[in-house]
C-alpha atoms as a PDB file:
ATOM      1  CA  UNK A   1       0.000   0.000   0.000  1.00  0.00           C
ATOM      2  CA  UNK A   2       1.510   3.290  -1.110  1.00  0.00           C
ATOM      3  CA  UNK A   3       1.580   6.253   1.258  1.00  0.00           C
ATOM      4  CA  UNK A   4       3.039   9.752   1.357  1.00  0.00           C
ATOM      5  CA  UNK A   5       4.799  11.420   4.283  1.00  0.00           C
ATOM      6  CA  UNK A   6       4.820  15.092   5.321  1.00  0.00           C
ATOM      7  CA  UNK A   7       7.376  16.561   7.742  1.00  0.00           C
ATOM      8  CA  UNK A   8       9.145  13.221   7.390  1.00  0.00           C
ATOM      9  CA  UNK A   9      12.211  14.040   9.490  1.00  0.00           C
ATOM     10  CA  UNK A  10      14.587  11.112   9.912  1.00  0.00           C
ATOM     11  CA  UNK A  11      11.851   8.654   9.000  1.00  0.00           C
ATOM     12  CA  UNK A  12      10.627   7.127  12.258  1.00  0.00           C
ATOM     13  CA  UNK A  13       7.023   6.970  11.082  1.00  0.00           C
ATOM     14  CA  UNK A  14       8.062   5.822   7.614  1.00  0.00           C
ATOM     15  CA  UNK A  15      10.188   3.006   8.995  1.00  0.00           C
ATOM     16  CA  UNK A  16       7.397   1.726  11.220  1.00  0.00           C
ATOM     17  CA  UNK A  17       4.918   1.849   8.343  1.00  0.00           C
ATOM     18  CA  UNK A  18       7.411   0.103   6.064  1.00  0.00           C
ATOM     19  CA  UNK A  19       7.778  -2.707   8.581  1.00  0.00           C
ATOM     20  CA  UNK A  20       3.975  -3.060   8.609  1.00  0.00           C
ATOM     21  CA  UNK A  21       3.751  -3.446   4.818  1.00  0.00           C
ATOM     22  CA  UNK A  22       3.361   0.119   3.537  1.00  0.00           C
ATOM     23  CA  UNK A  23       5.642   1.907   1.073  1.00  0.00           C
ATOM     24  CA  UNK A  24       6.397   5.634   1.242  1.00  0.00           C
ATOM     25  CA  UNK A  25       6.528   6.673  -2.407  1.00  0.00           C
ATOM     26  CA  UNK A  26       6.909  10.423  -1.770  1.00  0.00           C
ATOM     27  CA  UNK A  27       8.016  12.390   1.271  1.00  0.00           C
ATOM     28  CA  UNK A  28       8.479  16.030   2.133  1.00  0.00           C
ATOM     29  CA  UNK A  29      11.131  17.490   4.445  1.00  0.00           C
ATOM     30  CA  UNK A  30      12.318  21.106   4.440  1.00  0.00           C
ATOM     31  CA  UNK A  31      15.210  20.862   6.942  1.00  0.00           C
ATOM     32  CA  UNK A  32      18.429  20.530   4.952  1.00  0.00           C
ATOM     33  CA  UNK A  33      20.196  18.910   7.931  1.00  0.00           C
ATOM     34  CA  UNK A  34      17.920  15.881   7.485  1.00  0.00           C
ATOM     35  CA  UNK A  35      17.997  15.348   3.709  1.00  0.00           C
ATOM     36  CA  UNK A  36      21.038  13.076   3.564  1.00  0.00           C
ATOM     37  CA  UNK A  37      19.808  10.912   6.415  1.00  0.00           C
ATOM     38  CA  UNK A  38      16.367  10.384   4.905  1.00  0.00           C
ATOM     39  CA  UNK A  39      17.555   9.781   1.365  1.00  0.00           C
ATOM     40  CA  UNK A  40      20.224   7.263   2.351  1.00  0.00           C
ATOM     41  CA  UNK A  41      17.818   5.289   4.517  1.00  0.00           C
ATOM     42  CA  UNK A  42      14.885   5.405   2.069  1.00  0.00           C
ATOM     43  CA  UNK A  43      16.514   5.010  -1.304  1.00  0.00           C
ATOM     44  CA  UNK A  44      13.271   4.173  -3.146  1.00  0.00           C
ATOM     45  CA  UNK A  45      11.339   7.207  -1.859  1.00  0.00           C
ATOM     46  CA  UNK A  46      11.173  10.525  -3.714  1.00  0.00           C
ATOM     47  CA  UNK A  47      12.074  13.309  -1.268  1.00  0.00           C
ATOM     48  CA  UNK A  48      10.677  16.748  -2.054  1.00  0.00           C
ATOM     49  CA  UNK A  49      12.883  19.303  -0.312  1.00  0.00           C
ATOM     50  CA  UNK A  50      10.622  22.329  -0.703  1.00  0.00           C
ATOM     51  CA  UNK A  51       8.559  23.893   2.058  1.00  0.00           C
ATOM     52  CA  UNK A  52       5.140  22.269   2.057  1.00  0.00           C
ATOM     53  CA  UNK A  53       3.676  25.775   1.760  1.00  0.00           C
ATOM     54  CA  UNK A  54       5.288  25.999  -1.695  1.00  0.00           C
ATOM     55  CA  UNK A  55       4.088  22.616  -3.011  1.00  0.00           C
ATOM     56  CA  UNK A  56       0.790  22.629  -4.933  1.00  0.00           C
ATOM     57  CA  UNK A  57      -1.367  19.620  -4.202  1.00  0.00           C
ATOM     58  CA  UNK A  58      -1.404  18.592  -7.867  1.00  0.00           C
ATOM     59  CA  UNK A  59       2.360  17.995  -7.636  1.00  0.00           C
ATOM     60  CA  UNK A  60       1.853  15.454  -4.844  1.00  0.00           C
ATOM     61  CA  UNK A  61       1.131  11.821  -5.847  1.00  0.00           C
ATOM     62  CA  UNK A  62      -2.233  10.178  -5.317  1.00  0.00           C
ATOM     63  CA  UNK A  63      -2.023   7.969  -2.248  1.00  0.00           C
ATOM     64  CA  UNK A  64      -3.834   5.511  -0.014  1.00  0.00           C
ATOM     65  CA  UNK A  65      -2.433   7.036   3.155  1.00  0.00           C
ATOM     66  CA  UNK A  66      -1.014  10.277   4.525  1.00  0.00           C
ATOM     67  CA  UNK A  67       1.272  10.315   7.567  1.00  0.00           C
ATOM     68  CA  UNK A  68       3.296  13.005   9.300  1.00  0.00           C
ATOM     69  CA  UNK A  69       4.223  14.962  12.378  1.00  0.00           C
ATOM     70  CA  UNK A  70       3.747  18.704  11.810  1.00  0.00           C
ATOM     71  CA  UNK A  71       6.460  20.704  13.671  1.00  0.00           C
ATOM     72  CA  UNK A  72       5.711  20.541  17.372  1.00  0.00           C
ATOM     73  CA  UNK A  73       7.933  23.205  18.973  1.00  0.00           C
ATOM     74  CA  UNK A  74       5.132  25.758  19.080  1.00  0.00           C
ATOM     75  CA  UNK A  75       3.016  23.378  21.162  1.00  0.00           C
ATOM     76  CA  UNK A  76       5.832  22.226  23.444  1.00  0.00           C
ATOM     77  CA  UNK A  77       5.548  22.588  27.194  1.00  0.00           C
ATOM     78  CA  UNK A  78       9.241  23.515  27.242  1.00  0.00           C
ATOM     79  CA  UNK A  79       8.883  26.267  24.654  1.00  0.00           C
ATOM     80  CA  UNK A  80       6.834  29.439  24.466  1.00  0.00           C
ATOM     81  CA  UNK A  81       3.719  27.355  23.830  1.00  0.00           C
ATOM     82  CA  UNK A  82       2.216  29.767  21.323  1.00  0.00           C
ATOM     83  CA  UNK A  83       0.543  26.863  19.602  1.00  0.00           C
ATOM     84  CA  UNK A  84      -1.558  27.717  16.592  1.00  0.00           C
ATOM     85  CA  UNK A  85      -0.524  31.372  16.824  1.00  0.00           C
ATOM     86  CA  UNK A  86       2.995  30.351  15.797  1.00  0.00           C
ATOM     87  CA  UNK A  87       3.816  29.950  12.088  1.00  0.00           C
ATOM     88  CA  UNK A  88       4.900  26.375  12.842  1.00  0.00           C
ATOM     89  CA  UNK A  89       1.534  25.672  14.429  1.00  0.00           C
ATOM     90  CA  UNK A  90      -0.102  26.846  11.215  1.00  0.00           C
ATOM     91  CA  UNK A  91       1.688  24.028   9.381  1.00  0.00           C
ATOM     92  CA  UNK A  92      -0.904  21.681  10.841  1.00  0.00           C
ATOM     93  CA  UNK A  93      -3.312  23.189   8.348  1.00  0.00           C
ATOM     94  CA  UNK A  94      -0.956  22.438   5.467  1.00  0.00           C
ATOM     95  CA  UNK A  95      -1.327  18.797   6.488  1.00  0.00           C
ATOM     96  CA  UNK A  96      -5.112  19.209   6.380  1.00  0.00           C
ATOM     97  CA  UNK A  97      -4.892  20.999   3.020  1.00  0.00           C
ATOM     98  CA  UNK A  98      -3.074  18.032   1.476  1.00  0.00           C
ATOM     99  CA  UNK A  99      -5.489  15.633   3.163  1.00  0.00           C
ATOM    100  CA  UNK A 100      -8.486  17.395   1.622  1.00  0.00           C
ATOM    101  CA  UNK A 101      -6.963  17.627  -1.816  1.00  0.00           C
ATOM    102  CA  UNK A 102      -5.631  14.054  -2.075  1.00  0.00           C
ATOM    103  CA  UNK A 103      -8.425  12.295  -0.134  1.00  0.00           C
ATOM    104  CA  UNK A 104      -6.420   9.213   0.945  1.00  0.00           C
ATOM    105  CA  UNK A 105      -8.175   6.331   2.668  1.00  0.00           C
ATOM    106  CA  UNK A 106      -6.521   7.159   5.978  1.00  0.00           C
ATOM    107  CA  UNK A 107      -4.245   9.622   7.731  1.00  0.00           C
ATOM    108  CA  UNK A 108      -2.077   9.654  10.846  1.00  0.00           C
ATOM    109  CA  UNK A 109      -0.754  12.834  12.464  1.00  0.00           C
ATOM    110  CA  UNK A 110       1.436  12.925  15.597  1.00  0.00           C
ATOM    111  CA  UNK A 111       2.204  15.787  17.960  1.00  0.00           C
ATOM    112  CA  UNK A 112       3.424  16.599  21.472  1.00  0.00           C
ATOM    113  CA  UNK A 113       1.333  16.227  24.608  1.00  0.00           C
ATOM    114  CA  UNK A 114       1.664  19.969  25.230  1.00  0.00           C
ATOM    115  CA  UNK A 115      -1.102  20.372  22.670  1.00  0.00           C
ATOM    116  CA  UNK A 116      -3.474  19.168  25.414  1.00  0.00           C
ATOM    117  CA  UNK A 117      -2.751  22.174  27.642  1.00  0.00           C
ATOM    118  CA  UNK A 118      -5.889  24.074  28.602  1.00  0.00           C
ATOM    119  CA  UNK A 119      -4.682  27.214  26.803  1.00  0.00           C
ATOM    120  CA  UNK A 120      -4.763  25.249  23.521  1.00  0.00           C
ATOM    121  CA  UNK A 121      -8.221  23.744  24.079  1.00  0.00           C
ATOM    122  CA  UNK A 122     -10.022  25.815  21.449  1.00  0.00           C
ATOM    123  CA  UNK A 123      -7.260  25.366  18.870  1.00  0.00           C
ATOM    124  CA  UNK A 124      -7.220  21.609  19.439  1.00  0.00           C
ATOM    125  CA  UNK A 125     -10.977  21.323  19.051  1.00  0.00           C
ATOM    126  CA  UNK A 126     -10.718  23.406  15.891  1.00  0.00           C
ATOM    127  CA  UNK A 127      -8.144  21.029  14.425  1.00  0.00           C
ATOM    128  CA  UNK A 128     -10.301  18.018  15.272  1.00  0.00           C
ATOM    129  CA  UNK A 129     -13.267  19.672  13.567  1.00  0.00           C
ATOM    130  CA  UNK A 130     -11.215  20.321  10.431  1.00  0.00           C
ATOM    131  CA  UNK A 131     -10.357  16.622  10.281  1.00  0.00           C
ATOM    132  CA  UNK A 132     -13.981  15.533  10.631  1.00  0.00           C
ATOM    133  CA  UNK A 133     -15.231  18.250   8.278  1.00  0.00           C
ATOM    134  CA  UNK A 134     -12.742  16.937   5.716  1.00  0.00           C
ATOM    135  CA  UNK A 135     -14.665  13.701   5.508  1.00  0.00           C
ATOM    136  CA  UNK A 136     -12.871  11.482   8.041  1.00  0.00           C
ATOM    137  CA  UNK A 137     -13.926   9.497  11.073  1.00  0.00           C
ATOM    138  CA  UNK A 138     -11.425  10.672  13.665  1.00  0.00           C
ATOM    139  CA  UNK A 139      -9.794   8.738  16.494  1.00  0.00           C
ATOM    140  CA  UNK A 140      -7.691  10.726  18.947  1.00  0.00           C
ATOM    141  CA  UNK A 141      -5.611   9.553  21.900  1.00  0.00           C
ATOM    142  CA  UNK A 142      -2.623  10.326  24.110  1.00  0.00           C
ATOM    143  CA  UNK A 143      -0.153   7.430  24.087  1.00  0.00           C
ATOM    144  CA  UNK A 144       2.949   6.669  26.120  1.00  0.00           C
ATOM    145  CA  UNK A 145       5.490   4.993  23.842  1.00  0.00           C
ATOM    146  CA  UNK A 146       6.644   2.827  26.756  1.00  0.00           C
ATOM    147  CA  UNK A 147       3.350   0.936  26.467  1.00  0.00           C
ATOM    148  CA  UNK A 148       4.215  -0.003  22.878  1.00  0.00           C
ATOM    149  CA  UNK A 149       7.628  -1.695  22.858  1.00  0.00           C
ATOM    150  CA  UNK A 150       9.658   1.486  23.349  1.00  0.00           C
ATOM    151  CA  UNK A 151      12.081   1.670  26.345  1.00  0.00           C
ATOM    152  CA  UNK A 152      11.228   5.272  27.091  1.00  0.00           C
ATOM    153  CA  UNK A 153       8.601   7.387  28.797  1.00  0.00           C
ATOM    154  CA  UNK A 154       7.372   9.438  25.859  1.00  0.00           C
ATOM    155  CA  UNK A 155       3.840  10.845  25.749  1.00  0.00           C
ATOM    156  CA  UNK A 156       2.509  11.974  22.376  1.00  0.00           C
ATOM    157  CA  UNK A 157      -0.929  12.519  20.880  1.00  0.00           C
ATOM    158  CA  UNK A 158      -2.135  10.838  17.702  1.00  0.00           C
ATOM    159  CA  UNK A 159      -4.862  11.823  15.271  1.00  0.00           C
ATOM    160  CA  UNK A 160      -5.852   8.854  13.081  1.00  0.00           C
ATOM    161  CA  UNK A 161      -8.712   8.983  10.626  1.00  0.00           C
ATOM    162  CA  UNK A 162     -10.416   6.693   8.137  1.00  0.00           C
ATOM    163  CA  UNK A 163     -12.302   8.204   5.229  1.00  0.00           C
ATOM    164  CA  UNK A 164     -16.011   8.284   6.029  1.00  0.00           C
ATOM    165  CA  UNK A 165     -17.031   6.095   3.094  1.00  0.00           C
ATOM    166  CA  UNK A 166     -14.966   3.202   4.480  1.00  0.00           C
ATOM    167  CA  UNK A 167     -17.512   2.843   7.254  1.00  0.00           C
ATOM    168  CA  UNK A 168     -14.956   1.949   9.915  1.00  0.00           C
ATOM    169  CA  UNK A 169     -13.256   3.665  12.843  1.00  0.00           C
ATOM    170  CA  UNK A 170      -9.694   3.163  14.051  1.00  0.00           C
ATOM    171  CA  UNK A 171      -9.389   1.581  17.487  1.00  0.00           C
ATOM    172  CA  UNK A 172      -6.101   2.219  19.263  1.00  0.00           C
ATOM    173  CA  UNK A 173      -4.266  -0.987  20.223  1.00  0.00           C
ATOM    174  CA  UNK A 174      -4.149  -1.805  23.905  1.00  0.00           C
ATOM    175  CA  UNK A 175      -0.936  -1.290  25.839  1.00  0.00           C
ATOM    176  CA  UNK A 176       1.417  -4.261  25.686  1.00  0.00           C
ATOM    177  CA  UNK A 177       2.069  -6.256  28.840  1.00  0.00           C
ATOM    178  CA  UNK A 178       5.752  -6.738  28.056  1.00  0.00           C
ATOM    179  CA  UNK A 179       7.836  -3.609  28.492  1.00  0.00           C
ATOM    180  CA  UNK A 180      11.346  -2.763  27.327  1.00  0.00           C
ATOM    181  CA  UNK A 181      13.944  -1.097  29.533  1.00  0.00           C
ATOM    182  CA  UNK A 182      17.389   0.420  29.067  1.00  0.00           C
ATOM    183  CA  UNK A 183      19.159  -2.877  29.641  1.00  0.00           C
ATOM    184  CA  UNK A 184      17.216  -4.416  26.766  1.00  0.00           C
ATOM    185  CA  UNK A 185      18.380  -1.966  24.120  1.00  0.00           C
ATOM    186  CA  UNK A 186      21.761  -0.542  25.128  1.00  0.00           C
ATOM    187  CA  UNK A 187      23.011  -3.146  27.605  1.00  0.00           C
ATOM    188  CA  UNK A 188      24.762  -5.104  24.860  1.00  0.00           C
ATOM    189  CA  UNK A 189      26.758  -2.191  23.467  1.00  0.00           C
ATOM    190  CA  UNK A 190      30.396  -3.248  23.569  1.00  0.00           C
ATOM    191  CA  UNK A 191      31.787  -0.508  21.359  1.00  0.00           C
ATOM    192  CA  UNK A 192      33.114   2.479  23.272  1.00  0.00           C
ATOM    193  CA  UNK A 193      31.249   5.728  22.801  1.00  0.00           C
ATOM    194  CA  UNK A 194      33.473   8.595  21.677  1.00  0.00           C
ATOM    195  CA  UNK A 195      33.260  12.127  23.029  1.00  0.00           C
ATOM    196  CA  UNK A 196      32.549  14.704  20.334  1.00  0.00           C
ATOM    197  CA  UNK A 197      35.388  16.731  18.925  1.00  0.00           C
ATOM    198  CA  UNK A 198      35.404  20.238  20.359  1.00  0.00           C
ATOM    199  CA  UNK A 199      32.233  19.441  22.339  1.00  0.00           C
ATOM    200  CA  UNK A 200      29.812  19.071  19.396  1.00  0.00           C
ATOM    201  CA  UNK A 201      31.617  17.980  16.223  1.00  0.00           C
ATOM    202  CA  UNK A 202      31.462  14.490  14.769  1.00  0.00           C
ATOM    203  CA  UNK A 203      34.264  11.945  14.885  1.00  0.00           C
ATOM    204  CA  UNK A 204      33.210  11.009  11.334  1.00  0.00           C
ATOM    205  CA  UNK A 205      34.235   7.403  10.627  1.00  0.00           C
ATOM    206  CA  UNK A 206      36.216   6.937  13.855  1.00  0.00           C
ATOM    207  CA  UNK A 207      33.230   5.470  15.732  1.00  0.00           C
ATOM    208  CA  UNK A 208      33.321   1.688  15.911  1.00  0.00           C
ATOM    209  CA  UNK A 209      29.518   1.777  15.839  1.00  0.00           C
ATOM    210  CA  UNK A 210      28.030   4.453  13.580  1.00  0.00           C
ATOM    211  CA  UNK A 211      26.717   7.463  15.582  1.00  0.00           C
ATOM    212  CA  UNK A 212      28.063   6.110  18.887  1.00  0.00           C
ATOM    213  CA  UNK A 213      29.357   9.512  20.023  1.00  0.00           C
ATOM    214  CA  UNK A 214      28.141  12.004  22.583  1.00  0.00           C
ATOM    215  CA  UNK A 215      28.129  15.736  23.148  1.00  0.00           C
ATOM    216  CA  UNK A 216      30.414  17.052  25.885  1.00  0.00           C
ATOM    217  CA  UNK A 217      30.505  20.354  27.738  1.00  0.00           C
ATOM    218  CA  UNK A 218      28.909  21.683  30.888  1.00  0.00           C
ATOM    219  CA  UNK A 219      25.402  21.160  32.213  1.00  0.00           C
ATOM    220  CA  UNK A 220      23.013  24.053  32.724  1.00  0.00           C
ATOM    221  CA  UNK A 221      21.366  24.875  36.045  1.00  0.00           C
ATOM    222  CA  UNK A 222      18.078  23.768  34.486  1.00  0.00           C
ATOM    223  CA  UNK A 223      19.591  20.398  33.632  1.00  0.00           C
ATOM    224  CA  UNK A 224      20.987  20.045  37.161  1.00  0.00           C
ATOM    225  CA  UNK A 225      17.615  20.869  38.720  1.00  0.00           C
ATOM    226  CA  UNK A 226      16.374  17.302  38.209  1.00  0.00           C
ATOM    227  CA  UNK A 227      17.778  13.801  38.301  1.00  0.00           C
ATOM    228  CA  UNK A 228      18.733  12.905  34.723  1.00  0.00           C
ATOM    229  CA  UNK A 229      19.763   9.280  35.307  1.00  0.00           C
ATOM    230  CA  UNK A 230      17.509   6.291  34.860  1.00  0.00           C
ATOM    231  CA  UNK A 231      18.717   2.847  36.017  1.00  0.00           C
ATOM    232  CA  UNK A 232      19.271  -0.131  33.729  1.00  0.00           C
ATOM    233  CA  UNK A 233      15.962  -1.694  34.780  1.00  0.00           C
ATOM    234  CA  UNK A 234      13.951   1.462  34.071  1.00  0.00           C
ATOM    235  CA  UNK A 235      12.698   3.116  30.883  1.00  0.00           C
ATOM    236  CA  UNK A 236      14.656   6.122  29.672  1.00  0.00           C
ATOM    237  CA  UNK A 237      13.527   9.659  30.177  1.00  0.00           C
ATOM    238  CA  UNK A 238      12.083  11.174  26.987  1.00  0.00           C
ATOM    239  CA  UNK A 239      14.677  11.464  24.247  1.00  0.00           C
ATOM    240  CA  UNK A 240      14.547  15.146  23.389  1.00  0.00           C
ATOM    241  CA  UNK A 241      15.566  16.983  20.242  1.00  0.00           C
ATOM    242  CA  UNK A 242      18.532  18.694  21.900  1.00  0.00           C
ATOM    243  CA  UNK A 243      21.855  17.157  22.859  1.00  0.00           C
ATOM    244  CA  UNK A 244      22.373  19.468  25.818  1.00  0.00           C
ATOM    245  CA  UNK A 245      19.402  17.876  27.539  1.00  0.00           C
ATOM    246  CA  UNK A 246      20.061  14.276  26.544  1.00  0.00           C
ATOM    247  CA  UNK A 247      19.558  11.861  29.467  1.00  0.00           C
ATOM    248  CA  UNK A 248      22.671  10.573  31.229  1.00  0.00           C
ATOM    249  CA  UNK A 249      23.976   7.046  30.799  1.00  0.00           C
ATOM    250  CA  UNK A 250      22.636   4.484  33.326  1.00  0.00           C
ATOM    251  CA  UNK A 251      26.200   3.530  34.305  1.00  0.00           C
ATOM    252  CA  UNK A 252      26.107   6.525  36.663  1.00  0.00           C
ATOM    253  CA  UNK A 253      24.344   6.567  40.042  1.00  0.00           C
ATOM    254  CA  UNK A 254      21.288   8.759  40.299  1.00  0.00           C
ATOM    255  CA  UNK A 255      22.023  12.397  41.022  1.00  0.00           C
ATOM    256  CA  UNK A 256      21.875  13.561  44.633  1.00  0.00           C
ATOM    257  CA  UNK A 257      19.460  16.196  45.854  1.00  0.00           C
ATOM    258  CA  UNK A 258      21.198  19.265  47.281  1.00  0.00           C
ATOM    259  CA  UNK A 259      18.160  21.468  47.763  1.00  0.00           C
ATOM    260  CA  UNK A 260      14.946  22.219  45.926  1.00  0.00           C
ATOM    261  CA  UNK A 261      15.603  22.344  42.148  1.00  0.00           C
ATOM    262  CA  UNK A 262      19.293  21.608  42.594  1.00  0.00           C
ATOM    263  CA  UNK A 263      21.130  18.309  42.268  1.00  0.00           C
ATOM    264  CA  UNK A 264      24.733  17.177  41.981  1.00  0.00           C
ATOM    265  CA  UNK A 265      26.741  14.242  40.719  1.00  0.00           C
ATOM    266  CA  UNK A 266      27.786  11.673  43.316  1.00  0.00           C
ATOM    267  CA  UNK A 267      31.230  12.596  44.612  1.00  0.00           C
ATOM    268  CA  UNK A 268      33.984  10.360  43.308  1.00  0.00           C
ATOM    269  CA  UNK A 269      31.757   9.071  40.459  1.00  0.00           C
ATOM    270  CA  UNK A 270      31.824  12.167  38.281  1.00  0.00           C
ATOM    271  CA  UNK A 271      33.525  10.383  35.378  1.00  0.00           C
ATOM    272  CA  UNK A 272      30.485   8.123  34.960  1.00  0.00           C
ATOM    273  CA  UNK A 273      28.162  10.996  34.118  1.00  0.00           C
ATOM    274  CA  UNK A 274      28.024  11.424  30.372  1.00  0.00           C
ATOM    275  CA  UNK A 275      25.206  12.116  27.961  1.00  0.00           C
ATOM    276  CA  UNK A 276      23.780   9.208  26.036  1.00  0.00           C
ATOM    277  CA  UNK A 277      25.354   8.874  22.603  1.00  0.00           C
ATOM    278  CA  UNK A 278      23.330   9.525  19.466  1.00  0.00           C
ATOM    279  CA  UNK A 279      23.306   5.787  18.735  1.00  0.00           C
ATOM    280  CA  UNK A 280      22.111   5.018  22.266  1.00  0.00           C
ATOM    281  CA  UNK A 281      19.346   7.589  21.853  1.00  0.00           C
ATOM    282  CA  UNK A 282      18.470   6.033  18.483  1.00  0.00           C
ATOM    283  CA  UNK A 283      18.233   2.574  20.045  1.00  0.00           C
ATOM    284  CA  UNK A 284      16.026   3.943  22.815  1.00  0.00           C
ATOM    285  CA  UNK A 285      13.866   5.418  20.047  1.00  0.00           C
ATOM    286  CA  UNK A 286      13.917   1.857  18.559  1.00  0.00           C
ATOM    287  CA  UNK A 287      15.816   2.672  15.363  1.00  0.00           C
ATOM    288  CA  UNK A 288      17.894  -0.310  14.199  1.00  0.00           C
ATOM    289  CA  UNK A 289      21.659   0.186  13.909  1.00  0.00           C
ATOM    290  CA  UNK A 290      21.285  -0.064  10.124  1.00  0.00           C
ATOM    291  CA  UNK A 291      19.398   3.235  10.190  1.00  0.00           C
ATOM    292  CA  UNK A 292      22.273   5.710  10.118  1.00  0.00           C
ATOM    293  CA  UNK A 293      22.188   9.408  10.891  1.00  0.00           C
ATOM    294  CA  UNK A 294      24.397  11.774   8.886  1.00  0.00           C
ATOM    295  CA  UNK A 295      25.648  15.076  10.270  1.00  0.00           C
ATOM    296  CA  UNK A 296      28.768  17.120  10.910  1.00  0.00           C
ATOM    297  CA  UNK A 297      27.573  18.629  14.170  1.00  0.00           C
ATOM    298  CA  UNK A 298      26.100  16.341  16.826  1.00  0.00           C
ATOM    299  CA  UNK A 299      23.425  18.949  17.509  1.00  0.00           C
ATOM    300  CA  UNK A 300      21.777  17.976  14.229  1.00  0.00           C
ATOM    301  CA  UNK A 301      22.068  14.278  15.082  1.00  0.00           C
ATOM    302  CA  UNK A 302      20.368  14.588  18.460  1.00  0.00           C
ATOM    303  CA  UNK A 303      17.667  16.760  16.879  1.00  0.00           C
ATOM    304  CA  UNK A 304      16.865  14.203  14.177  1.00  0.00           C
ATOM    305  CA  UNK A 305      16.674  11.339  16.643  1.00  0.00           C
ATOM    306  CA  UNK A 306      14.712  13.236  19.286  1.00  0.00           C
ATOM    307  CA  UNK A 307      12.076  14.589  16.895  1.00  0.00           C
ATOM    308  CA  UNK A 308      11.304  11.183  15.415  1.00  0.00           C
ATOM    309  CA  UNK A 309       8.334   8.973  16.179  1.00  0.00           C
ATOM    310  CA  UNK A 310       9.713   5.710  17.633  1.00  0.00           C
ATOM    311  CA  UNK A 311       9.504   3.121  14.818  1.00  0.00           C
ATOM    312  CA  UNK A 312       8.203   0.402  17.169  1.00  0.00           C
ATOM    313  CA  UNK A 313       5.228   2.564  18.130  1.00  0.00           C
ATOM    314  CA  UNK A 314       4.684   3.569  14.497  1.00  0.00           C
ATOM    315  CA  UNK A 315       4.747  -0.104  13.497  1.00  0.00           C
ATOM    316  CA  UNK A 316       2.086  -1.122  16.018  1.00  0.00           C
ATOM    317  CA  UNK A 317      -0.258   1.630  14.837  1.00  0.00           C
ATOM    318  CA  UNK A 318       0.524   0.974  11.162  1.00  0.00           C
ATOM    319  CA  UNK A 319      -0.041  -2.769  11.579  1.00  0.00           C
ATOM    320  CA  UNK A 320      -3.528  -2.101  12.932  1.00  0.00           C
ATOM    321  CA  UNK A 321      -4.281   0.224   9.998  1.00  0.00           C
ATOM    322  CA  UNK A 322      -2.968  -2.362   7.534  1.00  0.00           C
ATOM    323  CA  UNK A 323      -5.141  -5.069   9.094  1.00  0.00           C
ATOM    324  CA  UNK A 324      -8.223  -2.839   9.017  1.00  0.00           C
ATOM    325  CA  UNK A 325      -7.746  -1.918   5.348  1.00  0.00           C
ATOM    326  CA  UNK A 326      -6.897  -5.476   4.346  1.00  0.00           C
ATOM    327  CA  UNK A 327     -10.370  -6.555   5.422  1.00  0.00           C
ATOM    328  CA  UNK A 328     -11.880  -4.186   2.848  1.00  0.00           C
ATOM    329  CA  UNK A 329     -11.930  -4.774  -0.908  1.00  0.00           C
ATOM    330  CA  UNK A 330      -9.981  -1.560  -1.453  1.00  0.00           C
ATOM    331  CA  UNK A 331      -9.350  -1.785  -5.208  1.00  0.00           C
ATOM    332  CA  UNK A 332     -12.960  -2.525  -6.167  1.00  0.00           C
ATOM    333  CA  UNK A 333     -14.932  -0.637  -3.552  1.00  0.00           C
ATOM    334  CA  UNK A 334     -12.883   2.475  -2.967  1.00  0.00           C
ATOM    335  CA  UNK A 335     -10.532   4.755  -4.856  1.00  0.00           C
ATOM    336  CA  UNK A 336      -8.597   7.883  -4.176  1.00  0.00           C
ATOM    337  CA  UNK A 337      -9.237   9.771  -7.395  1.00  0.00           C
ATOM    338  CA  UNK A 338     -13.031   9.514  -7.648  1.00  0.00           C
ATOM    339  CA  UNK A 339     -13.735  10.698  -4.131  1.00  0.00           C
ATOM    340  CA  UNK A 340     -13.191  14.430  -3.827  1.00  0.00           C
ATOM    341  CA  UNK A 341     -14.198  16.778  -1.071  1.00  0.00           C
ATOM    342  CA  UNK A 342     -14.245  20.512  -1.720  1.00  0.00           C
ATOM    343  CA  UNK A 343     -14.024  22.982   1.127  1.00  0.00           C
ATOM    344  CA  UNK A 344     -12.574  26.414   1.517  1.00  0.00           C
ATOM    345  CA  UNK A 345      -9.039  26.595   2.890  1.00  0.00           C
ATOM    346  CA  UNK A 346      -8.799  25.867   6.623  1.00  0.00           C
ATOM    347  CA  UNK A 347      -8.749  28.921   8.800  1.00  0.00           C
ATOM    348  CA  UNK A 348      -8.600  29.704  12.486  1.00  0.00           C
END
């Protein structure tokens, strides 16, 4: 089943969907720091490098499915949280524009949990209404990736819709009983992680395991305000899109509380406190080692990994979609081209 991908990033969603039986025939990504990584990992996918705002819908292939994660910084709890008032928040409506013009059988959109904040209530309801007004039966839920074969506490919201004429509604899979922890995914790493050159620059081909290198440099007072170490038998903290705030390796003891909002490294164990490497973060995100990340500055590497949807979670959702669609006689009963839905452009 052919699909297209918007805001593709490093391809976490695409990889999960590929594993479930889908094929991304066309993808869009505007960040030049990501192009090499996506193209080398998805050699049979056409990557359109233009801003989605500059791509007319008639230049996008017809498709059975549309997936993507519109930029989430404007909704983030850690950012200014301007939400839909930010230009990046408006990109959600570019996703809806393509959805309305291409009319695929299904869509999946992912975003941060900060979108659920009370100050964004009206904007969120507006987005949901645009999805349903576009002719889709919407399912919406907050998921923790740790419940879906990902060794990490990572809460994200998912919008999944089936076209109304399919007559079905997506049901989110139940949380899995078996959980993964840090020991399961990085406990076997025998290759030594390398510190970055000059704090943030890549060691290039010197890493025994591709991307097994970590950012160095000091830790901010904000970073030191909380414990940043999870034990081997625990899930990781959320893998973020910034290397400065990468979790610390579980080889170190948990940080000691000094006073409110202030912690310190255990005396005499300071050498054990290092940031997780990009490869360790990628494994925690459930990318296989064969999925390589290309960059000159580690900042770009951490960003690519941290912004991705964990492939294991994407696979579980995609597998359910694939099973649902496989029960329908898609080719004879439904088509993309003959089902059009005309509405004015989405607005706030």
